[in-house]
Amino acid sequence: ISRGVKSAVAQLKDQGKDCDIVVVGDKGRAQLRRFVGERIKRSATDVVSPGSFNLAAALSSELIAAGAADYDAVCIMYNSYVNPAVYNQLYKVVKPFSGEGESEPMMEYEFEPDTKSEVLVDLYEYALTSQIFHSFMDGAAAEQSARMAAMEGATKNAGEMIESLTLQYNRARQARITTELIEIISGAAALED
């Protein structure tokens, strides 16, 4: 994720655009602080994985209060679960509802006077909350999948090591028994002479 964020920041800079970063988690903040620290505007630390809908709602409320509607879009970067062995890094772009004339959003609906802008802000906040929460859940599934794959690999390696050590132990035990038998037979043969 950190590499993806750094790459996205570089691409935006090449296009002459500016961006701000909001980081969820201590590890991501520590990694990004070294490279794009001046762009980090907010960070949520001590987050229990997986993130809850309440956390997503709090983050989106804070983003809206900080002026997220003034940005061209909010880009969410996260790991997405594909299958038990694979996860991909994805990003979602959530744009605010804006436009004039023919491109004005929700033209098909009738609103009370002066409530349309409030409804659009609330709808944008809910859409942002939903996408953040989905990213939390998808990231948690990818994380659990990666952990499961790592544990399966560790279990397989431990099983192979147990087999190897058991074989080595049995060979040493057999050599010791053979040595004792040779000593007993040699002692018995010496007594007969």
Protein backbone atom coordinates (compact mmCIF):
# COMPACT_ATOMS: atom_id res chain seq x y z
CA ILE A 1 0.00 0.00 0.00
CA SER A 2 2.81 2.42 0.91
CA ARG A 3 4.49 1.90 -2.46
CA GLY A 4 1.16 2.42 -4.21
CA VAL A 5 0.55 5.66 -2.33
CA LYS A 6 4.05 6.92 -3.13
CA SER A 7 3.51 6.01 -6.79
CA ALA A 8 0.12 7.76 -6.89
CA VAL A 9 1.57 10.89 -5.27
CA ALA A 10 4.38 10.93 -7.85
CA GLN A 11 1.89 10.52 -10.72
CA LEU A 12 -0.29 13.33 -9.42
CA LYS A 13 2.77 15.53 -9.00
CA ASP A 14 3.80 14.80 -12.62
CA GLN A 15 0.31 15.86 -13.72
CA GLY A 16 0.67 19.11 -11.79
CA LYS A 17 -1.92 18.13 -9.19
CA ASP A 18 -1.64 18.27 -5.43
CA CYS A 19 -2.95 15.77 -2.91
CA ASP A 20 -3.37 15.27 0.82
CA ILE A 21 -3.09 11.92 2.57
CA VAL A 22 -5.13 10.39 5.39
CA VAL A 23 -3.58 7.24 6.87
CA VAL A 24 -5.30 4.51 8.88
CA GLY A 25 -2.91 2.53 11.09
CA ASP A 26 0.45 3.03 12.77
CA LYS A 27 2.50 0.99 10.31
CA GLY A 28 1.31 2.88 7.24
CA ARG A 29 1.83 6.23 8.95
CA ALA A 30 5.39 5.29 9.93
CA GLN A 31 6.25 4.15 6.40
CA LEU A 32 4.66 7.10 4.62
CA ARG A 33 6.02 9.71 7.02
CA ARG A 34 9.54 9.12 5.66
CA PHE A 35 8.61 9.81 2.04
CA VAL A 36 5.49 11.97 1.93
CA GLY A 37 5.26 13.21 5.51
CA GLU A 38 4.36 16.77 4.55
CA ARG A 39 1.26 15.51 2.71
CA ILE A 40 -0.18 13.54 5.64
CA LYS A 41 -3.01 15.69 6.98
CA ARG A 42 -4.70 13.18 9.27
CA SER A 43 -3.99 9.75 10.65
CA ALA A 44 -6.02 7.27 12.66
CA THR A 45 -3.89 5.14 14.94
CA ASP A 46 -4.70 2.43 17.49
CA VAL A 47 -7.28 1.06 15.05
CA VAL A 48 -8.52 -2.43 15.84
CA SER A 49 -8.64 -4.60 12.75
CA PRO A 50 -11.03 -4.99 11.04
CA GLY A 51 -12.31 -1.45 11.08
CA SER A 52 -15.93 -1.00 12.07
CA PHE A 53 -18.68 0.90 10.30
CA ASN A 54 -18.54 3.45 13.14
CA LEU A 55 -14.85 4.06 12.41
CA ALA A 56 -15.60 4.43 8.70
CA ALA A 57 -18.42 6.88 9.52
CA ALA A 58 -16.15 8.88 11.83
CA LEU A 59 -13.42 9.02 9.17
CA SER A 60 -15.81 10.13 6.44
CA SER A 61 -17.41 12.74 8.75
CA GLU A 62 -13.98 14.11 9.54
CA LEU A 63 -13.05 14.16 5.86
CA ILE A 64 -16.27 15.96 4.94
CA ALA A 65 -15.74 18.46 7.77
CA ALA A 66 -12.17 19.02 6.57
CA GLY A 67 -13.42 19.87 3.09
CA ALA A 68 -13.39 16.59 1.15
CA ALA A 69 -16.07 18.01 -1.15
CA ASP A 70 -13.56 20.66 -2.25
CA TYR A 71 -11.25 17.98 -3.69
CA ASP A 72 -11.69 16.46 -7.13
CA ALA A 73 -12.02 13.02 -5.55
CA VAL A 74 -11.15 10.84 -2.59
CA CYS A 75 -8.96 7.87 -3.51
CA ILE A 76 -9.01 4.86 -1.16
CA MET A 77 -6.08 2.41 -1.46
CA TYR A 78 -6.36 -1.03 0.10
CA ASN A 79 -5.58 -4.73 -0.33
CA SER A 80 -8.38 -6.70 -1.95
CA TYR A 81 -8.99 -10.42 -1.41
CA VAL A 82 -8.86 -12.51 -4.60
CA ASN A 83 -8.45 -16.09 -3.35
CA PRO A 84 -6.74 -17.80 -0.40
CA ALA A 85 -3.30 -17.43 -1.99
CA VAL A 86 -3.64 -14.04 -3.69
CA TYR A 87 -4.61 -10.49 -2.84
CA ASN A 88 -4.28 -7.40 -5.02
CA GLN A 89 -3.78 -3.76 -4.25
CA LEU A 90 -6.76 -1.76 -5.45
CA TYR A 91 -7.91 1.80 -5.27
CA LYS A 92 -11.37 3.33 -5.36
CA VAL A 93 -12.15 6.85 -6.43
CA VAL A 94 -15.14 8.49 -4.75
CA LYS A 95 -16.12 11.78 -6.36
CA PRO A 96 -18.40 14.38 -4.81
CA PHE A 97 -21.78 14.98 -6.41
CA SER A 98 -21.41 18.21 -8.34
CA GLY A 99 -22.32 19.74 -11.65
CA GLU A 100 -24.33 22.49 -13.23
CA GLY A 101 -27.07 22.48 -15.85
CA GLU A 102 -27.35 19.18 -17.71
CA SER A 103 -24.60 17.52 -15.66
CA GLU A 104 -26.24 18.42 -12.34
CA PRO A 105 -26.68 15.25 -10.25
CA MET A 106 -30.09 13.80 -9.46
CA MET A 107 -32.07 15.96 -11.88
CA GLU A 108 -34.81 13.33 -12.00
CA TYR A 109 -35.75 13.90 -8.35
CA GLU A 110 -37.69 16.76 -6.81
CA PHE A 111 -36.36 18.36 -3.64
CA GLU A 112 -37.75 20.89 -1.23
CA PRO A 113 -36.18 24.29 -1.80
CA ASP A 114 -32.64 24.56 -0.43
CA THR A 115 -32.44 20.89 0.65
CA LYS A 116 -30.81 19.40 -2.44
CA SER A 117 -27.30 20.54 -1.51
CA GLU A 118 -27.74 19.15 2.00
CA VAL A 119 -29.03 15.83 0.64
CA LEU A 120 -26.09 15.62 -1.78
CA VAL A 121 -23.60 16.27 1.01
CA ASP A 122 -25.25 13.60 3.18
CA LEU A 123 -25.34 11.18 0.28
CA TYR A 124 -21.67 11.82 -0.48
CA GLU A 125 -20.79 11.22 3.15
CA TYR A 126 -22.74 7.95 3.17
CA ALA A 127 -21.15 6.83 -0.11
CA LEU A 128 -17.70 7.62 1.29
CA THR A 129 -18.51 5.78 4.54
CA SER A 130 -19.74 2.73 2.63
CA GLN A 131 -16.65 2.60 0.42
CA ILE A 132 -14.29 3.02 3.39
CA PHE A 133 -16.10 0.25 5.28
CA HIS A 134 -15.97 -2.03 2.22
CA SER A 135 -12.24 -1.35 1.97
CA PHE A 136 -11.82 -2.26 5.64
CA MET A 137 -13.66 -5.56 5.17
CA ASP A 138 -11.88 -6.47 1.94
CA GLY A 139 -8.52 -5.62 3.50
CA ALA A 140 -9.33 -7.72 6.58
CA ALA A 141 -10.26 -10.69 4.37
CA ALA A 142 -6.97 -10.30 2.45
CA GLU A 143 -5.03 -10.08 5.71
CA GLN A 144 -6.67 -13.20 7.17
CA SER A 145 -6.07 -15.05 3.91
CA ALA A 146 -2.39 -14.10 3.94
CA ARG A 147 -2.10 -15.20 7.57
CA MET A 148 -3.83 -18.49 6.81
CA ALA A 149 -1.46 -19.14 3.90
CA ALA A 150 1.53 -18.30 6.10
CA MET A 151 0.32 -20.62 8.84
CA GLU A 152 -0.26 -23.44 6.33
CA GLY A 153 3.30 -22.95 5.08
CA ALA A 154 4.66 -22.94 8.63
CA THR A 155 2.67 -26.08 9.49
CA LYS A 156 3.97 -27.85 6.38
CA ASN A 157 7.56 -26.84 7.19
CA ALA A 158 7.15 -27.99 10.82
CA GLY A 159 5.76 -31.35 9.62
CA GLU A 160 8.71 -31.83 7.26
CA MET A 161 11.13 -30.94 10.07
CA ILE A 162 9.43 -33.41 12.42
CA GLU A 163 9.70 -36.17 9.80
CA SER A 164 13.38 -35.38 9.22
CA LEU A 165 14.18 -35.29 12.95
CA THR A 166 12.20 -38.49 13.57
CA LEU A 167 14.13 -40.26 10.83
CA GLN A 168 17.42 -38.95 12.24
CA TYR A 169 16.43 -40.04 15.77
CA ASN A 170 15.39 -43.52 14.59
CA ARG A 171 18.69 -43.98 12.72
CA ALA A 172 20.69 -42.95 15.80
CA ARG A 173 18.61 -45.25 18.03
CA GLN A 174 19.05 -48.14 15.59
CA ALA A 175 22.83 -47.53 15.45
CA ARG A 176 22.98 -47.52 19.27
CA ILE A 177 20.99 -50.79 19.47
CA THR A 178 23.22 -52.37 16.82
CA THR A 179 26.34 -51.28 18.71
CA GLU A 180 24.98 -52.75 21.98
CA LEU A 181 24.10 -56.04 20.26
CA ILE A 182 27.59 -56.27 18.76
CA GLU A 183 29.10 -55.64 22.20
CA ILE A 184 26.88 -58.32 23.79
CA ILE A 185 27.68 -60.86 21.08
CA SER A 186 31.38 -60.03 21.27
CA GLY A 187 31.31 -60.41 25.08
CA ALA A 188 29.49 -63.77 24.83
CA ALA A 189 31.98 -64.97 22.20
CA ALA A 190 34.90 -63.92 24.43
CA LEU A 191 33.46 -65.91 27.36
CA GLU A 192 33.11 -69.07 25.27
CA ASP A 193 36.78 -68.99 24.31
